[in-house]
């Protein structure tokens, strides 16, 4: 429904390539070039600098991209809202999730939701909590599930459920014989940490500081952005990690890893975030209600 010239501009600006934009939009490159020329003439300014076979956004192009994303996002919301008013329970559902939720919690929920509503087309983006919030803020996601709480003024945050983080180590590790782990005792062992920007890392750092242990005092030997990679390193005996108990469930059953609760317990929230001013579609609201119901049921079973 949005101006075709704006859609073409957005594609070129995102790819910084006329050729890739043409492929994405199923257009010829001359047609893409023509649309950009038309838009530049309409706006009375250049949107791209072209030099040595490369293109970049001009200052005007940077401003135009910001507005294009907002306009295209509102156009999609209008289409979706009118379809919902007509009784059509279908269409794209754009979900983002941080690593733990996206890899170990949401796939089953999305599968169940899709089975109930076959005409819905879910798309799941998985990244750290910072990246998920970035995409929600720029309107490329309907909902974002993150670890911890959001502190962004443009986003609303709702609690979904509670999650417990515990120490994970190889069965041969000295910590594996302990009934629980005190924060002060963790400084004695090599530590495998999550990457900066991770919601899990933020929660762990806050927990340690509250317990009187500075995160820098831990003997961090590796930083990784993948829970699977962390589990693999932990299993070698290189060090311990702190992660959600849902991540290591399979390895615990197989005896490949040991899990030790922290004392005091380390609990965090799983939250969902969305834009304050964005229309909350019936589809997005329906999935959110479904996810909350399923997560609450799983939490009761684990208790």
Protein backbone atom coordinates (compact mmCIF):
# COMPACT_ATOMS: atom_id res chain seq x y z
CA UNK A 1 0.00 0.00 0.00
CA UNK A 2 3.02 2.29 0.57
CA UNK A 3 4.55 4.26 -2.31
CA UNK A 4 6.50 1.87 -4.54
CA UNK A 5 9.36 4.36 -4.79
CA UNK A 6 9.69 4.26 -0.99
CA UNK A 7 9.77 0.45 -0.98
CA UNK A 8 12.50 0.45 -3.63
CA UNK A 9 14.49 3.09 -1.76
CA UNK A 10 14.25 1.09 1.46
CA UNK A 11 15.56 -2.05 -0.26
CA UNK A 12 18.49 -0.22 -1.88
CA UNK A 13 19.34 1.56 1.39
CA UNK A 14 19.33 -1.70 3.33
CA UNK A 15 21.46 -3.62 0.82
CA UNK A 16 23.50 -0.61 -0.39
CA UNK A 17 23.25 -2.28 -3.77
CA UNK A 18 20.93 -1.67 -6.73
CA UNK A 19 21.56 -5.22 -7.94
CA UNK A 20 20.65 -6.91 -4.64
CA UNK A 21 17.62 -4.67 -4.22
CA UNK A 22 16.43 -5.61 -7.71
CA UNK A 23 16.80 -9.32 -6.86
CA UNK A 24 14.91 -8.90 -3.58
CA UNK A 25 12.07 -6.99 -5.24
CA UNK A 26 11.97 -9.17 -8.39
CA UNK A 27 12.64 -6.13 -10.56
CA UNK A 28 15.19 -5.28 -13.21
CA UNK A 29 18.08 -3.08 -12.17
CA UNK A 30 17.12 -0.29 -14.62
CA UNK A 31 13.63 -0.26 -13.08
CA UNK A 32 15.13 0.13 -9.60
CA UNK A 33 17.39 2.94 -10.81
CA UNK A 34 14.39 4.68 -12.39
CA UNK A 35 12.36 4.49 -9.17
CA UNK A 36 15.22 5.98 -7.14
CA UNK A 37 15.67 8.76 -9.69
CA UNK A 38 11.94 9.52 -9.52
CA UNK A 39 12.04 9.68 -5.70
CA UNK A 40 15.11 11.93 -5.67
CA UNK A 41 13.45 14.28 -8.14
CA UNK A 42 10.26 14.32 -6.05
CA UNK A 43 12.20 15.10 -2.86
CA UNK A 44 14.55 17.51 -4.59
CA UNK A 45 17.72 15.96 -3.17
CA UNK A 46 20.19 13.13 -3.71
CA UNK A 47 19.67 10.13 -1.48
CA UNK A 48 22.77 8.16 -2.49
CA UNK A 49 26.39 8.97 -3.23
CA UNK A 50 27.80 6.87 -6.06
CA UNK A 51 31.59 6.53 -6.32
CA UNK A 52 33.94 3.80 -7.59
CA UNK A 53 31.17 1.27 -8.05
CA UNK A 54 29.89 1.66 -4.48
CA UNK A 55 26.95 3.56 -3.05
CA UNK A 56 26.33 5.13 0.34
CA UNK A 57 23.54 7.14 1.89
CA UNK A 58 23.80 10.91 1.85
CA UNK A 59 22.77 12.82 5.02
CA UNK A 60 19.37 13.30 3.36
CA UNK A 61 19.27 9.57 2.59
CA UNK A 62 19.88 8.70 6.25
CA UNK A 63 16.92 10.85 7.29
CA UNK A 64 14.79 9.42 4.48
CA UNK A 65 15.59 5.85 5.58
CA UNK A 66 14.41 6.57 9.11
CA UNK A 67 11.08 7.89 7.82
CA UNK A 68 10.77 5.13 5.20
CA UNK A 69 10.98 2.45 7.88
CA UNK A 70 8.30 4.18 9.94
CA UNK A 71 6.01 4.74 6.94
CA UNK A 72 6.39 1.18 5.64
CA UNK A 73 5.80 -0.20 9.13
CA UNK A 74 2.60 1.81 9.51
CA UNK A 75 1.46 0.70 6.05
CA UNK A 76 1.87 -2.95 7.05
CA UNK A 77 -0.04 -2.33 10.27
CA UNK A 78 -2.89 -0.72 8.32
CA UNK A 79 -3.11 -3.69 5.96
CA UNK A 80 -3.10 -6.11 8.86
CA UNK A 81 -5.69 -4.22 10.90
CA UNK A 82 -8.13 -3.97 8.00
CA UNK A 83 -7.75 -7.68 7.28
CA UNK A 84 -8.43 -8.48 10.92
CA UNK A 85 -11.55 -6.32 10.86
CA UNK A 86 -12.67 -8.46 7.92
CA UNK A 87 -12.25 -11.60 10.02
CA UNK A 88 -9.09 -12.97 8.37
CA UNK A 89 -6.92 -14.70 10.99
CA UNK A 90 -3.86 -14.98 8.79
CA UNK A 91 -0.66 -13.26 7.79
CA UNK A 92 2.92 -12.79 8.95
CA UNK A 93 3.87 -12.92 12.61
CA UNK A 94 7.33 -11.44 13.17
CA UNK A 95 8.87 -12.60 16.44
CA UNK A 96 12.29 -11.97 17.92
CA UNK A 97 13.86 -13.76 20.85
CA UNK A 98 17.09 -13.78 22.78
CA UNK A 99 19.28 -16.89 22.59
CA UNK A 100 17.88 -18.91 25.47
CA UNK A 101 14.24 -18.26 24.63
CA UNK A 102 14.68 -18.43 20.85
CA UNK A 103 16.61 -21.70 20.80
CA UNK A 104 15.10 -23.62 23.71
CA UNK A 105 11.63 -22.25 24.47
CA UNK A 106 9.89 -20.60 21.51
CA UNK A 107 10.29 -23.22 18.73
CA UNK A 108 7.80 -25.60 20.40
CA UNK A 109 5.39 -22.74 21.16
CA UNK A 110 5.51 -21.52 17.56
CA UNK A 111 4.92 -25.08 16.31
CA UNK A 112 1.85 -25.47 18.52
CA UNK A 113 0.49 -22.06 17.52
CA UNK A 114 1.01 -22.79 13.83
CA UNK A 115 -0.84 -26.11 14.21
CA UNK A 116 -3.85 -24.22 15.59
CA UNK A 117 -3.72 -21.44 13.00
CA UNK A 118 -2.26 -22.84 9.75
CA UNK A 119 -2.77 -19.57 7.82
CA UNK A 120 -0.36 -17.73 10.13
CA UNK A 121 3.22 -17.42 8.83
CA UNK A 122 5.61 -17.02 11.80
CA UNK A 123 9.16 -15.77 11.34
CA UNK A 124 11.64 -16.04 14.22
CA UNK A 125 14.75 -13.90 14.59
CA UNK A 126 17.22 -15.07 17.26
CA UNK A 127 19.89 -12.75 18.67
CA UNK A 128 20.95 -11.34 22.01
CA UNK A 129 18.52 -9.19 23.97
CA UNK A 130 20.07 -5.96 22.69
CA UNK A 131 19.68 -6.99 19.04
CA UNK A 132 16.07 -8.09 19.57
CA UNK A 133 15.16 -4.76 21.15
CA UNK A 134 16.87 -2.92 18.29
CA UNK A 135 14.65 -4.71 15.75
CA UNK A 136 11.49 -4.13 17.73
CA UNK A 137 12.37 -0.43 18.02
CA UNK A 138 12.90 -0.16 14.25
CA UNK A 139 9.55 -1.88 13.59
CA UNK A 140 10.94 -4.97 11.89
CA UNK A 141 9.49 -7.23 14.63
CA UNK A 142 5.98 -7.39 16.16
CA UNK A 143 7.15 -8.83 19.48
CA UNK A 144 10.49 -9.46 21.15
CA UNK A 145 11.07 -12.02 23.90
CA UNK A 146 14.10 -11.11 26.01
CA UNK A 147 15.91 -12.19 29.15
CA UNK A 148 15.49 -9.66 31.92
CA UNK A 149 13.63 -6.38 31.56
CA UNK A 150 13.80 -3.62 28.97
CA UNK A 151 14.96 -0.15 29.98
CA UNK A 152 14.15 1.53 26.65
CA UNK A 153 11.72 4.43 26.80
CA UNK A 154 10.15 3.58 23.42
CA UNK A 155 9.27 -0.01 24.39
CA UNK A 156 6.70 -1.54 26.70
CA UNK A 157 7.74 -4.63 28.66
CA UNK A 158 5.53 -7.39 30.09
CA UNK A 159 6.58 -10.26 32.33
CA UNK A 160 6.06 -13.70 30.75
CA UNK A 161 7.50 -16.11 33.31
CA UNK A 162 10.37 -16.71 35.71
CA UNK A 163 13.58 -18.59 34.89
CA UNK A 164 16.35 -19.92 37.16
CA UNK A 165 20.04 -19.75 36.28
CA UNK A 166 22.42 -22.26 37.81
CA UNK A 167 26.10 -23.17 37.68
CA UNK A 168 26.88 -25.72 34.95
CA UNK A 169 30.11 -27.69 34.83
CA UNK A 170 31.61 -31.01 33.77
CA UNK A 171 30.83 -33.95 36.13
CA UNK A 172 34.56 -34.13 36.98
CA UNK A 173 34.72 -30.44 37.97
CA UNK A 174 35.22 -29.67 41.72
CA UNK A 175 31.97 -27.70 41.81
CA UNK A 176 29.99 -30.76 40.70
CA UNK A 177 30.31 -32.25 44.20
CA UNK A 178 28.81 -29.21 45.93
CA UNK A 179 25.16 -29.04 47.05
CA UNK A 180 25.09 -25.37 46.09
CA UNK A 181 27.51 -22.68 44.95
CA UNK A 182 28.17 -19.41 46.76
CA UNK A 183 29.00 -16.40 44.56
CA UNK A 184 32.23 -15.81 46.50
CA UNK A 185 33.44 -19.37 45.74
CA UNK A 186 33.17 -18.90 41.97
CA UNK A 187 36.31 -16.72 41.80
CA UNK A 188 38.45 -19.81 42.42
CA UNK A 189 37.57 -21.44 39.07
CA UNK A 190 37.90 -20.57 35.36
CA UNK A 191 34.68 -19.03 34.05
CA UNK A 192 33.07 -19.18 30.59
CA UNK A 193 31.07 -16.00 30.09
CA UNK A 194 28.38 -14.77 27.69
CA UNK A 195 29.14 -11.91 25.28
CA UNK A 196 28.59 -8.24 26.02
CA UNK A 197 25.00 -7.20 25.17
CA UNK A 198 23.59 -10.53 26.33
CA UNK A 199 20.59 -10.31 28.64
CA UNK A 200 21.89 -13.37 30.49
CA UNK A 201 25.22 -11.67 31.14
CA UNK A 202 23.50 -8.51 32.40
CA UNK A 203 21.40 -10.54 34.86
CA UNK A 204 24.44 -12.52 36.08
CA UNK A 205 26.56 -9.37 36.54
CA UNK A 206 23.77 -7.70 38.54
CA UNK A 207 23.39 -10.82 40.71
CA UNK A 208 27.12 -10.99 41.45
CA UNK A 209 27.33 -7.29 42.31
CA UNK A 210 24.39 -7.62 44.67
CA UNK A 211 26.23 -10.52 46.35
CA UNK A 212 29.36 -8.38 46.79
CA UNK A 213 31.33 -9.96 43.93
CA UNK A 214 32.47 -7.75 41.05
CA UNK A 215 32.07 -9.48 37.65
CA UNK A 216 35.66 -8.50 36.80
CA UNK A 217 36.93 -10.57 39.74
CA UNK A 218 35.80 -13.81 38.09
CA UNK A 219 38.47 -15.66 36.12
CA UNK A 220 36.78 -15.35 32.71
CA UNK A 221 38.77 -17.40 30.18
CA UNK A 222 36.35 -17.24 27.22
CA UNK A 223 33.39 -15.10 26.09
CA UNK A 224 30.89 -16.73 23.72
CA UNK A 225 27.58 -15.74 22.15
CA UNK A 226 26.26 -19.26 21.65
CA UNK A 227 24.80 -21.39 24.49
CA UNK A 228 25.62 -24.53 22.49
CA UNK A 229 29.26 -23.50 22.20
CA UNK A 230 29.37 -22.73 25.91
CA UNK A 231 27.99 -26.17 26.78
CA UNK A 232 30.59 -27.79 24.53
CA UNK A 233 33.45 -25.99 26.25
CA UNK A 234 32.04 -26.63 29.72
CA UNK A 235 31.84 -30.36 28.95
CA UNK A 236 35.60 -30.42 28.23
CA UNK A 237 36.30 -29.28 31.80
CA UNK A 238 37.75 -25.92 30.70
CA UNK A 239 35.60 -24.05 33.21
CA UNK A 240 32.12 -23.50 34.57
CA UNK A 241 29.29 -21.38 33.19
CA UNK A 242 26.07 -19.91 34.55
CA UNK A 243 23.02 -20.56 32.40
CA UNK A 244 19.33 -21.31 32.42
CA UNK A 245 18.48 -24.81 33.53
CA UNK A 246 16.34 -25.30 30.42
CA UNK A 247 19.44 -25.03 28.21
CA UNK A 248 21.31 -27.98 29.70
CA UNK A 249 18.34 -30.34 30.24
CA UNK A 250 19.43 -32.87 27.60
CA UNK A 251 23.08 -32.93 28.68
CA UNK A 252 22.06 -33.36 32.32
CA UNK A 253 19.94 -36.40 31.44
CA UNK A 254 22.85 -37.91 29.50
CA UNK A 255 25.29 -37.27 32.35
CA UNK A 256 27.48 -35.00 30.22
CA UNK A 257 27.04 -31.98 32.49
CA UNK A 258 26.30 -31.28 36.13
CA UNK A 259 24.14 -28.41 37.39
CA UNK A 260 24.47 -26.78 40.82
CA UNK A 261 22.02 -24.19 42.20
CA UNK A 262 23.40 -20.87 43.36
CA UNK A 263 22.89 -19.71 46.94
CA UNK A 264 20.98 -17.44 47.04
CA UNK A 265 19.04 -18.61 43.99
CA UNK A 266 19.46 -16.65 40.76
CA UNK A 267 16.03 -15.95 39.28
CA UNK A 268 15.26 -13.70 36.32
CA UNK A 269 12.30 -12.70 34.22
CA UNK A 270 11.51 -13.67 30.67
CA UNK A 271 9.82 -10.58 29.24
CA UNK A 272 8.13 -9.57 25.99
CA UNK A 273 8.68 -6.11 24.50
CA UNK A 274 6.86 -4.13 21.82
CA UNK A 275 6.62 -0.51 20.69
CA UNK A 276 4.50 1.80 22.83
CA UNK A 277 2.84 3.58 19.91
CA UNK A 278 2.55 0.61 17.57
CA UNK A 279 -0.83 -0.93 16.88
CA UNK A 280 -0.91 -4.28 18.68
CA UNK A 281 -2.50 -6.59 16.13
CA UNK A 282 -4.96 -9.27 17.11
CA UNK A 283 -2.53 -11.87 15.76
CA UNK A 284 0.39 -10.60 17.85
CA UNK A 285 -1.84 -10.25 20.92
CA UNK A 286 -3.17 -13.77 20.37
CA UNK A 287 0.30 -15.28 20.17
CA UNK A 288 1.42 -13.38 23.26
CA UNK A 289 -1.54 -14.68 25.28
CA UNK A 290 -0.88 -18.22 23.99
CA UNK A 291 2.83 -18.00 24.86
CA UNK A 292 2.12 -16.73 28.38
CA UNK A 293 -0.34 -19.55 28.99
CA UNK A 294 2.09 -22.22 27.76
CA UNK A 295 5.06 -20.81 29.68
CA UNK A 296 3.05 -20.56 32.91
CA UNK A 297 1.96 -24.19 32.53
CA UNK A 298 5.57 -25.33 31.95
CA UNK A 299 6.74 -23.37 34.98
CA UNK A 300 4.12 -25.04 37.19
CA UNK A 301 5.31 -28.47 36.03
CA UNK A 302 8.95 -27.60 36.73
CA UNK A 303 8.19 -26.29 40.22
